[in-house]
PDB file of N, CA and C in Angstrom:
ATOM      1  N   UNK A   1       4.563  16.392  -2.833  1.00  0.00           N
ATOM      2  CA  UNK A   1       3.700  15.635  -3.729  1.00  0.00           C
ATOM      3  C   UNK A   1       3.426  16.471  -4.936  1.00  0.00           C
ATOM      4  N   UNK A   2       3.289  15.842  -6.055  1.00  0.00           N
ATOM      5  CA  UNK A   2       2.942  16.568  -7.323  1.00  0.00           C
ATOM      6  C   UNK A   2       1.529  17.147  -7.214  1.00  0.00           C
ATOM      7  N   UNK A   3       1.421  18.543  -7.494  1.00  0.00           N
ATOM      8  CA  UNK A   3       0.031  19.015  -7.480  1.00  0.00           C
ATOM      9  C   UNK A   3      -0.931  18.484  -8.525  1.00  0.00           C
ATOM     10  N   UNK A   4      -0.308  17.901  -9.614  1.00  0.00           N
ATOM     11  CA  UNK A   4      -1.126  17.275 -10.615  1.00  0.00           C
ATOM     12  C   UNK A   4      -1.382  15.849 -10.428  1.00  0.00           C
ATOM     13  N   UNK A   5      -1.043  15.390  -9.273  1.00  0.00           N
ATOM     14  CA  UNK A   5      -1.213  13.955  -8.949  1.00  0.00           C
ATOM     15  C   UNK A   5      -2.666  13.594  -8.859  1.00  0.00           C
ATOM     16  N   UNK A   6      -2.908  12.267  -9.308  1.00  0.00           N
ATOM     17  CA  UNK A   6      -4.312  11.785  -9.235  1.00  0.00           C
ATOM     18  C   UNK A   6      -4.609  11.060  -7.895  1.00  0.00           C
ATOM     19  N   UNK A   7      -3.658  11.121  -7.087  1.00  0.00           N
ATOM     20  CA  UNK A   7      -3.881  10.334  -5.728  1.00  0.00           C
ATOM     21  C   UNK A   7      -3.175  11.178  -4.665  1.00  0.00           C
ATOM     22  N   UNK A   8      -3.679  10.893  -3.418  1.00  0.00           N
ATOM     23  CA  UNK A   8      -3.119  11.632  -2.309  1.00  0.00           C
ATOM     24  C   UNK A   8      -2.867  10.528  -1.156  1.00  0.00           C
ATOM     25  N   UNK A   9      -2.170  10.986  -0.103  1.00  0.00           N
ATOM     26  CA  UNK A   9      -1.919  10.052   1.032  1.00  0.00           C
ATOM     27  C   UNK A   9      -1.891  10.782   2.332  1.00  0.00           C
ATOM     28  N   UNK A  10      -2.102  10.101   3.294  1.00  0.00           N
ATOM     29  CA  UNK A  10      -1.997  10.649   4.693  1.00  0.00           C
ATOM     30  C   UNK A  10      -1.368   9.485   5.488  1.00  0.00           C
ATOM     31  N   UNK A  11      -0.354   9.874   6.344  1.00  0.00           N
ATOM     32  CA  UNK A  11       0.323   8.936   7.162  1.00  0.00           C
ATOM     33  C   UNK A  11      -0.249   9.156   8.583  1.00  0.00           C
ATOM     34  N   UNK A  12      -0.757   8.051   9.203  1.00  0.00           N
ATOM     35  CA  UNK A  12      -1.197   8.145  10.578  1.00  0.00           C
ATOM     36  C   UNK A  12      -0.327   7.217  11.385  1.00  0.00           C
ATOM     37  N   UNK A  13       0.094   7.858  12.521  1.00  0.00           N
ATOM     38  CA  UNK A  13       1.007   7.192  13.388  1.00  0.00           C
ATOM     39  C   UNK A  13       0.333   6.794  14.742  1.00  0.00           C
ATOM     40  N   UNK A  14       0.538   5.606  15.204  1.00  0.00           N
ATOM     41  CA  UNK A  14      -0.035   5.149  16.475  1.00  0.00           C
ATOM     42  C   UNK A  14       1.082   4.335  17.146  1.00  0.00           C
ATOM     43  N   UNK A  15       1.836   4.898  17.947  1.00  0.00           N
ATOM     44  CA  UNK A  15       2.995   4.203  18.631  1.00  0.00           C
ATOM     45  C   UNK A  15       3.939   3.803  17.549  1.00  0.00           C
ATOM     46  N   UNK A  16       4.157   2.479  17.429  1.00  0.00           N
ATOM     47  CA  UNK A  16       5.189   1.939  16.489  1.00  0.00           C
ATOM     48  C   UNK A  16       4.476   1.379  15.263  1.00  0.00           C
ATOM     49  N   UNK A  17       3.322   1.893  14.911  1.00  0.00           N
ATOM     50  CA  UNK A  17       2.611   1.471  13.746  1.00  0.00           C
ATOM     51  C   UNK A  17       2.293   2.691  12.896  1.00  0.00           C
ATOM     52  N   UNK A  18       2.212   2.470  11.604  1.00  0.00           N
ATOM     53  CA  UNK A  18       1.879   3.403  10.545  1.00  0.00           C
ATOM     54  C   UNK A  18       0.738   2.897   9.766  1.00  0.00           C
ATOM     55  N   UNK A  19      -0.260   3.723   9.461  1.00  0.00           N
ATOM     56  CA  UNK A  19      -1.255   3.422   8.574  1.00  0.00           C
ATOM     57  C   UNK A  19      -1.118   4.531   7.430  1.00  0.00           C
ATOM     58  N   UNK A  20      -0.980   3.984   6.220  1.00  0.00           N
ATOM     59  CA  UNK A  20      -0.884   4.855   5.060  1.00  0.00           C
ATOM     60  C   UNK A  20      -2.230   4.846   4.438  1.00  0.00           C
ATOM     61  N   UNK A  21      -2.929   6.006   4.451  1.00  0.00           N
ATOM     62  CA  UNK A  21      -4.232   6.132   3.954  1.00  0.00           C
ATOM     63  C   UNK A  21      -4.140   6.711   2.547  1.00  0.00           C
ATOM     64  N   UNK A  22      -4.575   5.929   1.557  1.00  0.00           N
ATOM     65  CA  UNK A  22      -4.452   6.410   0.137  1.00  0.00           C
ATOM     66  C   UNK A  22      -5.744   6.702  -0.422  1.00  0.00           C
ATOM     67  N   UNK A  23      -5.819   7.672  -1.403  1.00  0.00           N
ATOM     68  CA  UNK A  23      -7.106   7.917  -2.025  1.00  0.00           C
ATOM     69  C   UNK A  23      -6.807   8.314  -3.490  1.00  0.00           C
ATOM     70  N   UNK A  24      -7.802   8.147  -4.333  1.00  0.00           N
ATOM     71  CA  UNK A  24      -7.673   8.501  -5.781  1.00  0.00           C
ATOM     72  C   UNK A  24      -7.399   7.376  -6.635  1.00  0.00           C
ATOM     73  N   UNK A  25      -6.737   7.707  -7.794  1.00  0.00           N
ATOM     74  CA  UNK A  25      -6.332   6.724  -8.830  1.00  0.00           C
ATOM     75  C   UNK A  25      -4.803   6.712  -8.924  1.00  0.00           C
ATOM     76  N   UNK A  26      -4.287   5.546  -8.675  1.00  0.00           N
ATOM     77  CA  UNK A  26      -2.767   5.377  -8.535  1.00  0.00           C
ATOM     78  C   UNK A  26      -2.389   4.403  -9.841  1.00  0.00           C
ATOM     79  N   UNK A  27      -1.476   4.938 -10.550  1.00  0.00           N
ATOM     80  CA  UNK A  27      -1.023   4.091 -11.719  1.00  0.00           C
ATOM     81  C   UNK A  27       0.486   4.248 -11.806  1.00  0.00           C
ATOM     82  N   UNK A  28       1.062   3.928 -13.000  1.00  0.00           N
ATOM     83  CA  UNK A  28       2.476   3.996 -13.178  1.00  0.00           C
ATOM     84  C   UNK A  28       3.106   5.319 -12.802  1.00  0.00           C
ATOM     85  N   UNK A  29       2.398   6.412 -12.978  1.00  0.00           N
ATOM     86  CA  UNK A  29       2.991   7.689 -12.694  1.00  0.00           C
ATOM     87  C   UNK A  29       3.165   7.838 -11.182  1.00  0.00           C
ATOM     88  N   UNK A  30       2.409   7.215 -10.335  1.00  0.00           N
ATOM     89  CA  UNK A  30       2.587   7.322  -8.959  1.00  0.00           C
ATOM     90  C   UNK A  30       3.184   6.165  -8.210  1.00  0.00           C
ATOM     91  N   UNK A  31       3.405   5.124  -8.942  1.00  0.00           N
ATOM     92  CA  UNK A  31       3.915   3.854  -8.271  1.00  0.00           C
ATOM     93  C   UNK A  31       5.295   3.972  -7.670  1.00  0.00           C
ATOM     94  N   UNK A  32       6.215   4.721  -8.283  1.00  0.00           N
ATOM     95  CA  UNK A  32       7.452   4.967  -7.651  1.00  0.00           C
ATOM     96  C   UNK A  32       7.478   5.777  -6.377  1.00  0.00           C
ATOM     97  N   UNK A  33       6.660   6.776  -6.365  1.00  0.00           N
ATOM     98  CA  UNK A  33       6.476   7.552  -5.192  1.00  0.00           C
ATOM     99  C   UNK A  33       5.818   6.743  -4.107  1.00  0.00           C
ATOM    100  N   UNK A  34       4.793   5.948  -4.477  1.00  0.00           N
ATOM    101  CA  UNK A  34       4.183   5.093  -3.520  1.00  0.00           C
ATOM    102  C   UNK A  34       5.117   4.059  -2.869  1.00  0.00           C
ATOM    103  N   UNK A  35       5.962   3.424  -3.715  1.00  0.00           N
ATOM    104  CA  UNK A  35       6.924   2.536  -3.178  1.00  0.00           C
ATOM    105  C   UNK A  35       7.906   3.206  -2.155  1.00  0.00           C
ATOM    106  N   UNK A  36       8.398   4.444  -2.587  1.00  0.00           N
ATOM    107  CA  UNK A  36       9.211   5.181  -1.572  1.00  0.00           C
ATOM    108  C   UNK A  36       8.551   5.437  -0.299  1.00  0.00           C
ATOM    109  N   UNK A  37       7.291   5.913  -0.313  1.00  0.00           N
ATOM    110  CA  UNK A  37       6.458   6.161   0.802  1.00  0.00           C
ATOM    111  C   UNK A  37       6.273   4.920   1.705  1.00  0.00           C
ATOM    112  N   UNK A  38       6.017   3.885   1.123  1.00  0.00           N
ATOM    113  CA  UNK A  38       5.914   2.499   1.940  1.00  0.00           C
ATOM    114  C   UNK A  38       7.204   2.069   2.443  1.00  0.00           C
ATOM    115  N   UNK A  39       8.274   2.238   1.756  1.00  0.00           N
ATOM    116  CA  UNK A  39       9.598   1.876   2.191  1.00  0.00           C
ATOM    117  C   UNK A  39       9.982   2.723   3.431  1.00  0.00           C
ATOM    118  N   UNK A  40       9.702   4.013   3.380  1.00  0.00           N
ATOM    119  CA  UNK A  40       9.962   4.889   4.501  1.00  0.00           C
ATOM    120  C   UNK A  40       9.207   4.459   5.755  1.00  0.00           C
ATOM    121  N   UNK A  41       7.904   4.079   5.539  1.00  0.00           N
ATOM    122  CA  UNK A  41       7.094   3.614   6.662  1.00  0.00           C
ATOM    123  C   UNK A  41       7.534   2.322   7.208  1.00  0.00           C
ATOM    124  N   UNK A  42       8.013   1.384   6.361  1.00  0.00           N
ATOM    125  CA  UNK A  42       8.475   0.094   6.859  1.00  0.00           C
ATOM    126  C   UNK A  42       9.772   0.312   7.566  1.00  0.00           C
ATOM    127  N   UNK A  43      10.618   1.204   7.181  1.00  0.00           N
ATOM    128  CA  UNK A  43      11.846   1.497   7.914  1.00  0.00           C
ATOM    129  C   UNK A  43      11.620   2.217   9.290  1.00  0.00           C
ATOM    130  N   UNK A  44      10.449   2.856   9.404  1.00  0.00           N
ATOM    131  CA  UNK A  44      10.141   3.643  10.662  1.00  0.00           C
ATOM    132  C   UNK A  44       9.298   2.888  11.636  1.00  0.00           C
ATOM    133  N   UNK A  45       8.594   1.860  11.207  1.00  0.00           N
ATOM    134  CA  UNK A  45       7.643   1.240  12.128  1.00  0.00           C
ATOM    135  C   UNK A  45       7.724  -0.270  12.016  1.00  0.00           C
ATOM    136  N   UNK A  46       7.226  -0.919  13.112  1.00  0.00           N
ATOM    137  CA  UNK A  46       7.126  -2.377  13.053  1.00  0.00           C
ATOM    138  C   UNK A  46       5.905  -2.930  12.435  1.00  0.00           C
ATOM    139  N   UNK A  47       4.886  -2.009  12.309  1.00  0.00           N
ATOM    140  CA  UNK A  47       3.639  -2.397  11.578  1.00  0.00           C
ATOM    141  C   UNK A  47       3.164  -1.394  10.659  1.00  0.00           C
ATOM    142  N   UNK A  48       2.914  -1.801   9.470  1.00  0.00           N
ATOM    143  CA  UNK A  48       2.445  -0.899   8.379  1.00  0.00           C
ATOM    144  C   UNK A  48       1.233  -1.455   7.735  1.00  0.00           C
ATOM    145  N   UNK A  49       0.174  -0.584   7.704  1.00  0.00           N
ATOM    146  CA  UNK A  49      -1.066  -0.929   7.002  1.00  0.00           C
ATOM    147  C   UNK A  49      -1.284   0.089   5.948  1.00  0.00           C
ATOM    148  N   UNK A  50      -1.758  -0.407   4.852  1.00  0.00           N
ATOM    149  CA  UNK A  50      -2.025   0.433   3.725  1.00  0.00           C
ATOM    150  C   UNK A  50      -3.586   0.462   3.507  1.00  0.00           C
ATOM    151  N   UNK A  51      -4.304   1.469   3.767  1.00  0.00           N
ATOM    152  CA  UNK A  51      -5.695   1.597   3.666  1.00  0.00           C
ATOM    153  C   UNK A  51      -6.165   1.970   2.329  1.00  0.00           C
ATOM    154  N   UNK A  52      -6.834   1.115   1.639  1.00  0.00           N
ATOM    155  CA  UNK A  52      -7.222   1.482   0.187  1.00  0.00           C
ATOM    156  C   UNK A  52      -8.693   1.803   0.031  1.00  0.00           C
ATOM    157  N   UNK A  53      -9.373   2.141   1.127  1.00  0.00           N
ATOM    158  CA  UNK A  53     -10.830   2.343   1.085  1.00  0.00           C
ATOM    159  C   UNK A  53     -11.183   3.421   0.104  1.00  0.00           C
ATOM    160  N   UNK A  54     -10.356   4.394  -0.082  1.00  0.00           N
ATOM    161  CA  UNK A  54     -10.707   5.590  -0.996  1.00  0.00           C
ATOM    162  C   UNK A  54      -9.921   5.558  -2.325  1.00  0.00           C
ATOM    163  N   UNK A  55      -9.332   4.350  -2.610  1.00  0.00           N
ATOM    164  CA  UNK A  55      -8.612   4.244  -3.846  1.00  0.00           C
ATOM    165  C   UNK A  55      -9.464   3.650  -4.953  1.00  0.00           C
ATOM    166  N   UNK A  56      -9.711   4.345  -6.067  1.00  0.00           N
ATOM    167  CA  UNK A  56     -10.677   3.791  -7.052  1.00  0.00           C
ATOM    168  C   UNK A  56     -10.048   3.093  -8.238  1.00  0.00           C
ATOM    169  N   UNK A  57      -8.730   3.179  -8.355  1.00  0.00           N
ATOM    170  CA  UNK A  57      -8.005   2.495  -9.423  1.00  0.00           C
ATOM    171  C   UNK A  57      -6.611   2.203  -9.116  1.00  0.00           C
ATOM    172  N   UNK A  58      -6.106   1.053  -9.450  1.00  0.00           N
ATOM    173  CA  UNK A  58      -4.620   0.683  -9.382  1.00  0.00           C
ATOM    174  C   UNK A  58      -4.375  -0.171 -10.674  1.00  0.00           C
ATOM    175  N   UNK A  59      -3.034   0.019 -11.022  1.00  0.00           N
ATOM    176  CA  UNK A  59      -2.602  -0.847 -12.149  1.00  0.00           C
ATOM    177  C   UNK A  59      -1.588  -1.807 -11.650  1.00  0.00           C
ATOM    178  N   UNK A  60      -0.977  -2.496 -12.579  1.00  0.00           N
ATOM    179  CA  UNK A  60      -0.047  -3.568 -12.212  1.00  0.00           C
ATOM    180  C   UNK A  60       1.200  -3.027 -11.599  1.00  0.00           C
ATOM    181  N   UNK A  61       1.632  -1.793 -11.852  1.00  0.00           N
ATOM    182  CA  UNK A  61       2.804  -1.161 -11.203  1.00  0.00           C
ATOM    183  C   UNK A  61       2.555  -0.912  -9.661  1.00  0.00           C
ATOM    184  N   UNK A  62       1.346  -0.590  -9.405  1.00  0.00           N
ATOM    185  CA  UNK A  62       0.991  -0.372  -7.985  1.00  0.00           C
ATOM    186  C   UNK A  62       0.939  -1.725  -7.255  1.00  0.00           C
ATOM    187  N   UNK A  63       0.398  -2.783  -7.902  1.00  0.00           N
ATOM    188  CA  UNK A  63       0.357  -4.133  -7.261  1.00  0.00           C
ATOM    189  C   UNK A  63       1.954  -4.545  -7.029  1.00  0.00           C
ATOM    190  N   UNK A  64       2.752  -4.287  -8.048  1.00  0.00           N
ATOM    191  CA  UNK A  64       4.196  -4.590  -7.840  1.00  0.00           C
ATOM    192  C   UNK A  64       4.755  -3.779  -6.612  1.00  0.00           C
ATOM    193  N   UNK A  65       4.367  -2.501  -6.510  1.00  0.00           N
ATOM    194  CA  UNK A  65       4.877  -1.754  -5.333  1.00  0.00           C
ATOM    195  C   UNK A  65       4.469  -2.333  -3.995  1.00  0.00           C
ATOM    196  N   UNK A  66       3.167  -2.735  -3.955  1.00  0.00           N
ATOM    197  CA  UNK A  66       2.615  -3.322  -2.739  1.00  0.00           C
ATOM    198  C   UNK A  66       3.354  -4.699  -2.455  1.00  0.00           C
ATOM    199  N   UNK A  67       3.393  -5.521  -3.415  1.00  0.00           N
ATOM    200  CA  UNK A  67       4.017  -6.920  -3.156  1.00  0.00           C
ATOM    201  C   UNK A  67       5.525  -6.658  -2.762  1.00  0.00           C
ATOM    202  N   UNK A  68       6.251  -5.790  -3.443  1.00  0.00           N
ATOM    203  CA  UNK A  68       7.696  -5.474  -3.160  1.00  0.00           C
ATOM    204  C   UNK A  68       7.771  -4.950  -1.761  1.00  0.00           C
ATOM    205  N   UNK A  69       6.900  -4.094  -1.337  1.00  0.00           N
ATOM    206  CA  UNK A  69       6.893  -3.518   0.062  1.00  0.00           C
ATOM    207  C   UNK A  69       6.636  -4.569   1.116  1.00  0.00           C
ATOM    208  N   UNK A  70       5.666  -5.502   0.755  1.00  0.00           N
ATOM    209  CA  UNK A  70       5.371  -6.593   1.660  1.00  0.00           C
ATOM    210  C   UNK A  70       6.613  -7.471   1.802  1.00  0.00           C
ATOM    211  N   UNK A  71       7.309  -7.773   0.749  1.00  0.00           N
ATOM    212  CA  UNK A  71       8.512  -8.594   0.833  1.00  0.00           C
ATOM    213  C   UNK A  71       9.590  -7.830   1.634  1.00  0.00           C
ATOM    214  N   UNK A  72       9.708  -6.601   1.468  1.00  0.00           N
ATOM    215  CA  UNK A  72      10.688  -5.787   2.220  1.00  0.00           C
ATOM    216  C   UNK A  72      10.347  -5.914   3.744  1.00  0.00           C
ATOM    217  N   UNK A  73       9.089  -5.620   4.054  1.00  0.00           N
ATOM    218  CA  UNK A  73       8.619  -5.777   5.432  1.00  0.00           C
ATOM    219  C   UNK A  73       8.954  -7.107   6.087  1.00  0.00           C
ATOM    220  N   UNK A  74       8.604  -8.126   5.288  1.00  0.00           N
ATOM    221  CA  UNK A  74       8.859  -9.556   5.790  1.00  0.00           C
ATOM    222  C   UNK A  74      10.389  -9.745   6.061  1.00  0.00           C
ATOM    223  N   UNK A  75      11.118  -9.360   5.128  1.00  0.00           N
ATOM    224  CA  UNK A  75      12.609  -9.548   5.319  1.00  0.00           C
ATOM    225  C   UNK A  75      13.159  -8.753   6.484  1.00  0.00           C
ATOM    226  N   UNK A  76      12.537  -7.638   6.824  1.00  0.00           N
ATOM    227  CA  UNK A  76      12.955  -6.859   8.063  1.00  0.00           C
ATOM    228  C   UNK A  76      12.264  -7.226   9.273  1.00  0.00           C
ATOM    229  N   UNK A  77      11.440  -8.311   9.257  1.00  0.00           N
ATOM    230  CA  UNK A  77      10.681  -8.809  10.415  1.00  0.00           C
ATOM    231  C   UNK A  77       9.585  -7.872  10.845  1.00  0.00           C
ATOM    232  N   UNK A  78       9.063  -7.204   9.862  1.00  0.00           N
ATOM    233  CA  UNK A  78       7.927  -6.230  10.267  1.00  0.00           C
ATOM    234  C   UNK A  78       6.604  -6.661   9.688  1.00  0.00           C
ATOM    235  N   UNK A  79       5.510  -6.179  10.276  1.00  0.00           N
ATOM    236  CA  UNK A  79       4.193  -6.561   9.771  1.00  0.00           C
ATOM    237  C   UNK A  79       3.728  -5.592   8.694  1.00  0.00           C
ATOM    238  N   UNK A  80       3.024  -6.124   7.648  1.00  0.00           N
ATOM    239  CA  UNK A  80       2.585  -5.308   6.544  1.00  0.00           C
ATOM    240  C   UNK A  80       1.266  -5.962   6.136  1.00  0.00           C
ATOM    241  N   UNK A  81       0.278  -5.069   5.769  1.00  0.00           N
ATOM    242  CA  UNK A  81      -0.996  -5.608   5.277  1.00  0.00           C
ATOM    243  C   UNK A  81      -1.689  -4.423   4.546  1.00  0.00           C
ATOM    244  N   UNK A  82      -2.391  -4.866   3.483  1.00  0.00           N
ATOM    245  CA  UNK A  82      -3.395  -3.971   2.787  1.00  0.00           C
ATOM    246  C   UNK A  82      -4.725  -4.209   3.481  1.00  0.00           C
ATOM    247  N   UNK A  83      -5.452  -3.054   3.854  1.00  0.00           N
ATOM    248  CA  UNK A  83      -6.755  -3.188   4.408  1.00  0.00           C
ATOM    249  C   UNK A  83      -7.778  -2.380   3.648  1.00  0.00           C
ATOM    250  N   UNK A  84      -9.018  -2.698   3.801  1.00  0.00           N
ATOM    251  CA  UNK A  84     -10.145  -2.036   3.300  1.00  0.00           C
ATOM    252  C   UNK A  84     -10.084  -1.661   1.785  1.00  0.00           C
ATOM    253  N   UNK A  85      -9.735  -2.629   0.921  1.00  0.00           N
ATOM    254  CA  UNK A  85      -9.655  -2.273  -0.546  1.00  0.00           C
ATOM    255  C   UNK A  85     -11.124  -2.002  -1.040  1.00  0.00           C
ATOM    256  N   UNK A  86     -11.237  -0.859  -1.680  1.00  0.00           N
ATOM    257  CA  UNK A  86     -12.577  -0.563  -2.348  1.00  0.00           C
ATOM    258  C   UNK A  86     -12.949  -1.636  -3.270  1.00  0.00           C
ATOM    259  N   UNK A  87     -14.219  -1.766  -3.674  1.00  0.00           N
ATOM    260  CA  UNK A  87     -14.765  -2.869  -4.389  1.00  0.00           C
ATOM    261  C   UNK A  87     -13.909  -3.143  -5.712  1.00  0.00           C
ATOM    262  N   UNK A  88     -13.673  -2.152  -6.525  1.00  0.00           N
ATOM    263  CA  UNK A  88     -12.925  -2.327  -7.804  1.00  0.00           C
ATOM    264  C   UNK A  88     -11.550  -2.747  -7.587  1.00  0.00           C
ATOM    265  N   UNK A  89     -10.888  -2.140  -6.589  1.00  0.00           N
ATOM    266  CA  UNK A  89      -9.522  -2.499  -6.235  1.00  0.00           C
ATOM    267  C   UNK A  89      -9.472  -3.914  -5.632  1.00  0.00           C
ATOM    268  N   UNK A  90     -10.423  -4.255  -4.816  1.00  0.00           N
ATOM    269  CA  UNK A  90     -10.581  -5.545  -4.349  1.00  0.00           C
ATOM    270  C   UNK A  90     -10.608  -6.567  -5.460  1.00  0.00           C
ATOM    271  N   UNK A  91     -11.422  -6.308  -6.494  1.00  0.00           N
ATOM    272  CA  UNK A  91     -11.494  -7.260  -7.578  1.00  0.00           C
ATOM    273  C   UNK A  91     -10.277  -7.324  -8.422  1.00  0.00           C
ATOM    274  N   UNK A  92      -9.492  -6.277  -8.578  1.00  0.00           N
ATOM    275  CA  UNK A  92      -8.221  -6.318  -9.261  1.00  0.00           C
ATOM    276  C   UNK A  92      -7.267  -7.119  -8.522  1.00  0.00           C
ATOM    277  N   UNK A  93      -7.165  -6.860  -7.180  1.00  0.00           N
ATOM    278  CA  UNK A  93      -6.306  -7.736  -6.330  1.00  0.00           C
ATOM    279  C   UNK A  93      -6.677  -9.253  -6.315  1.00  0.00           C
ATOM    280  N   UNK A  94      -7.977  -9.545  -6.357  1.00  0.00           N
ATOM    281  CA  UNK A  94      -8.393 -10.853  -6.470  1.00  0.00           C
ATOM    282  C   UNK A  94      -8.043 -11.503  -7.687  1.00  0.00           C
ATOM    283  N   UNK A  95      -8.405 -10.860  -8.825  1.00  0.00           N
ATOM    284  CA  UNK A  95      -8.049 -11.409 -10.145  1.00  0.00           C
ATOM    285  C   UNK A  95      -6.621 -11.638 -10.444  1.00  0.00           C
ATOM    286  N   UNK A  96      -5.767 -10.781  -9.829  1.00  0.00           N
ATOM    287  CA  UNK A  96      -4.337 -11.035 -10.109  1.00  0.00           C
ATOM    288  C   UNK A  96      -3.705 -12.028  -9.138  1.00  0.00           C
ATOM    289  N   UNK A  97      -4.467 -12.538  -8.121  1.00  0.00           N
ATOM    290  CA  UNK A  97      -4.002 -13.535  -7.283  1.00  0.00           C
ATOM    291  C   UNK A  97      -3.286 -13.073  -6.046  1.00  0.00           C
ATOM    292  N   UNK A  98      -3.258 -11.761  -5.778  1.00  0.00           N
ATOM    293  CA  UNK A  98      -2.474 -11.253  -4.622  1.00  0.00           C
ATOM    294  C   UNK A  98      -3.387 -10.747  -3.361  1.00  0.00           C
ATOM    295  N   UNK A  99      -4.648 -10.855  -3.517  1.00  0.00           N
ATOM    296  CA  UNK A  99      -5.574 -10.301  -2.531  1.00  0.00           C
ATOM    297  C   UNK A  99      -5.209 -10.955  -1.181  1.00  0.00           C
ATOM    298  N   UNK A 100      -5.277 -12.303  -1.059  1.00  0.00           N
ATOM    299  CA  UNK A 100      -5.116 -12.904   0.208  1.00  0.00           C
ATOM    300  C   UNK A 100      -3.691 -12.686   0.832  1.00  0.00           C
ATOM    301  N   UNK A 101      -2.735 -12.695  -0.041  1.00  0.00           N
ATOM    302  CA  UNK A 101      -1.410 -12.459   0.418  1.00  0.00           C
ATOM    303  C   UNK A 101      -1.225 -11.067   1.013  1.00  0.00           C
ATOM    304  N   UNK A 102      -1.759 -10.102   0.363  1.00  0.00           N
ATOM    305  CA  UNK A 102      -1.594  -8.691   0.773  1.00  0.00           C
ATOM    306  C   UNK A 102      -2.432  -8.291   1.892  1.00  0.00           C
ATOM    307  N   UNK A 103      -3.615  -8.980   2.037  1.00  0.00           N
ATOM    308  CA  UNK A 103      -4.595  -8.551   3.158  1.00  0.00           C
ATOM    309  C   UNK A 103      -4.378  -9.355   4.314  1.00  0.00           C
ATOM    310  N   UNK A 104      -3.476 -10.301   4.327  1.00  0.00           N
ATOM    311  CA  UNK A 104      -3.128 -11.035   5.601  1.00  0.00           C
ATOM    312  C   UNK A 104      -1.788 -10.421   6.148  1.00  0.00           C
ATOM    313  N   UNK A 105      -1.843 -10.036   7.351  1.00  0.00           N
ATOM    314  CA  UNK A 105      -0.686  -9.362   7.991  1.00  0.00           C
ATOM    315  C   UNK A 105       0.524 -10.402   7.974  1.00  0.00           C
ATOM    316  N   UNK A 106       1.678 -10.033   7.540  1.00  0.00           N
ATOM    317  CA  UNK A 106       2.773 -10.862   7.500  1.00  0.00           C
ATOM    318  C   UNK A 106       3.818 -10.338   8.297  1.00  0.00           C
ATOM    319  N   UNK A 107       4.639 -11.221   8.801  1.00  0.00           N
ATOM    320  CA  UNK A 107       5.878 -10.796   9.612  1.00  0.00           C
ATOM    321  C   UNK A 107       7.006 -11.616   9.062  1.00  0.00           C
TER     322      UNK A 107
END
């Protein structure tokens, strides 16, 4: 990970499930890395959750990475969901119309 990064992540494994715990501010500079991280998790597990409790900012490129990852998981027959969005992130996801789709586990 880039030492100058404005965000961090931790991958928690529980059997065939992965929880990606994110923190900080994620924008266009981190969206590509985030997408690769989520894609790896989807390829390695049947269930992926993205915990946003400690994320204080996202932009449209991050929303795109989340939606693209959810679509990838769905196509692979895997579960994917965003959980615990912090208040500001929750608002951004709601305003953009993707909150319900991302926070409901899909298969």
